[in-house]
Amino acid sequence: MSQERPEPPHTGLDPVDRVLAREAGIAQLPVTEQAAAYEALHEELEQILNASPNSLPAGLVDSVTEPGSEAVGERERP
């Protein structure tokens, strides 16, 4: 029996899409290595998204709230 893996989501931001494509392979790792692998992907995504937030597609930033904000949904524009 072959398990089909769903196709990773496409964000339109190539560096993010490449990281997300690697996520499916983590399930194949030993359980003891999975947490570290997810943490590494998370750190990489944070670096990409923090590198130049003004160049991100609008759909990736419109629903982000500022840290410590109680608001949910669109963030306030300066």
C-alpha atoms as a PDB file:
ATOM      1  CA  MET A   1       0.000   0.000   0.000  1.00  0.00           C
ATOM      2  CA  SER A   2       1.386   3.368  -1.017  1.00  0.00           C
ATOM      3  CA  GLN A   3       0.566   6.495   0.924  1.00  0.00           C
ATOM      4  CA  GLU A   4       0.088   9.561  -1.215  1.00  0.00           C
ATOM      5  CA  ARG A   5       1.409  12.741   0.290  1.00  0.00           C
ATOM      6  CA  PRO A   6      -0.540  15.898  -0.366  1.00  0.00           C
ATOM      7  CA  GLU A   7       1.206  18.519  -2.431  1.00  0.00           C
ATOM      8  CA  PRO A   8       2.727  21.244  -0.239  1.00  0.00           C
ATOM      9  CA  PRO A   9       0.972  24.608  -0.299  1.00  0.00           C
ATOM     10  CA  HIS A  10       2.178  27.236  -2.756  1.00  0.00           C
ATOM     11  CA  THR A  11       2.574  30.716  -1.330  1.00  0.00           C
ATOM     12  CA  GLY A  12       3.993  32.377  -4.418  1.00  0.00           C
ATOM     13  CA  LEU A  13       7.179  33.175  -2.508  1.00  0.00           C
ATOM     14  CA  ASP A  14       9.791  30.731  -3.836  1.00  0.00           C
ATOM     15  CA  PRO A  15      12.029  30.538  -0.721  1.00  0.00           C
ATOM     16  CA  VAL A  16       8.981  29.798   1.459  1.00  0.00           C
ATOM     17  CA  ASP A  17       7.662  27.232  -1.028  1.00  0.00           C
ATOM     18  CA  ARG A  18      11.024  25.420  -1.002  1.00  0.00           C
ATOM     19  CA  VAL A  19      10.968  25.179   2.807  1.00  0.00           C
ATOM     20  CA  LEU A  20       7.361  23.971   2.833  1.00  0.00           C
ATOM     21  CA  ALA A  21       8.204  21.318   0.228  1.00  0.00           C
ATOM     22  CA  ARG A  22      10.752  19.816   2.642  1.00  0.00           C
ATOM     23  CA  GLU A  23       8.198  19.584   5.455  1.00  0.00           C
ATOM     24  CA  ALA A  24       6.586  16.402   4.100  1.00  0.00           C
ATOM     25  CA  GLY A  25       9.869  14.519   4.398  1.00  0.00           C
ATOM     26  CA  ILE A  26      10.054  15.087   8.135  1.00  0.00           C
ATOM     27  CA  ALA A  27       7.468  12.364   8.733  1.00  0.00           C
ATOM     28  CA  GLN A  28       9.961   9.861   7.313  1.00  0.00           C
ATOM     29  CA  LEU A  29      12.567  10.731   9.961  1.00  0.00           C
ATOM     30  CA  PRO A  30      12.838   8.841  13.224  1.00  0.00           C
ATOM     31  CA  VAL A  31      10.481  10.329  15.805  1.00  0.00           C
ATOM     32  CA  THR A  32      13.439  11.438  17.926  1.00  0.00           C
ATOM     33  CA  GLU A  33      14.660  13.670  15.060  1.00  0.00           C
ATOM     34  CA  GLN A  34      11.338  15.183  13.991  1.00  0.00           C
ATOM     35  CA  ALA A  35      11.104  17.976  16.579  1.00  0.00           C
ATOM     36  CA  ALA A  36      14.539  19.315  15.654  1.00  0.00           C
ATOM     37  CA  ALA A  37      13.695  19.124  11.951  1.00  0.00           C
ATOM     38  CA  TYR A  38      10.446  21.079  12.449  1.00  0.00           C
ATOM     39  CA  GLU A  39      12.312  23.638  14.558  1.00  0.00           C
ATOM     40  CA  ALA A  40      14.911  24.085  11.789  1.00  0.00           C
ATOM     41  CA  LEU A  41      12.165  24.657   9.184  1.00  0.00           C
ATOM     42  CA  HIS A  42      10.425  27.119  11.493  1.00  0.00           C
ATOM     43  CA  GLU A  43      13.638  29.091  12.025  1.00  0.00           C
ATOM     44  CA  GLU A  44      14.287  29.158   8.284  1.00  0.00           C
ATOM     45  CA  LEU A  45      10.757  30.434   7.593  1.00  0.00           C
ATOM     46  CA  GLU A  46      11.163  33.153  10.222  1.00  0.00           C
ATOM     47  CA  GLN A  47      14.435  34.279   8.635  1.00  0.00           C
ATOM     48  CA  ILE A  48      12.848  34.424   5.187  1.00  0.00           C
ATOM     49  CA  LEU A  49       9.769  36.298   6.358  1.00  0.00           C
ATOM     50  CA  ASN A  50      11.743  38.719   8.527  1.00  0.00           C
ATOM     51  CA  ALA A  51      14.375  39.426   5.858  1.00  0.00           C
ATOM     52  CA  SER A  52      12.326  41.938   3.893  1.00  0.00           C
ATOM     53  CA  PRO A  53       8.708  42.096   5.010  1.00  0.00           C
ATOM     54  CA  ASN A  54       7.910  44.872   2.534  1.00  0.00           C
ATOM     55  CA  SER A  55       8.562  42.477  -0.350  1.00  0.00           C
ATOM     56  CA  LEU A  56       6.147  39.778   0.859  1.00  0.00           C
ATOM     57  CA  PRO A  57       2.934  39.116  -1.043  1.00  0.00           C
ATOM     58  CA  ALA A  58       0.045  41.023   0.541  1.00  0.00           C
ATOM     59  CA  GLY A  59      -1.764  37.823   1.510  1.00  0.00           C
ATOM     60  CA  LEU A  60       1.103  36.850   3.792  1.00  0.00           C
ATOM     61  CA  VAL A  61       1.153  40.094   5.754  1.00  0.00           C
ATOM     62  CA  ASP A  62      -2.441  41.376   5.838  1.00  0.00           C
ATOM     63  CA  SER A  63      -3.500  38.939   8.533  1.00  0.00           C
ATOM     64  CA  VAL A  64      -0.387  39.280  10.687  1.00  0.00           C
ATOM     65  CA  THR A  65      -0.697  41.108  13.975  1.00  0.00           C
ATOM     66  CA  GLU A  66       2.069  42.820  15.842  1.00  0.00           C
ATOM     67  CA  PRO A  67       3.577  40.877  18.757  1.00  0.00           C
ATOM     68  CA  GLY A  68       1.729  41.683  21.962  1.00  0.00           C
ATOM     69  CA  SER A  69      -1.310  42.916  20.085  1.00  0.00           C
ATOM     70  CA  GLU A  70      -4.691  41.614  21.119  1.00  0.00           C
ATOM     71  CA  ALA A  71      -6.082  42.260  17.645  1.00  0.00           C
ATOM     72  CA  VAL A  72      -6.774  39.366  15.357  1.00  0.00           C
ATOM     73  CA  GLY A  73      -6.903  39.815  11.614  1.00  0.00           C
ATOM     74  CA  GLU A  74      -5.543  42.730   9.669  1.00  0.00           C
ATOM     75  CA  ARG A  75      -2.753  44.669  11.255  1.00  0.00           C
ATOM     76  CA  GLU A  76      -2.809  48.402  11.479  1.00  0.00           C
ATOM     77  CA  ARG A  77      -0.918  50.177   8.720  1.00  0.00           C
ATOM     78  CA  PRO A  78       1.488  52.998   9.647  1.00  0.00           C
END
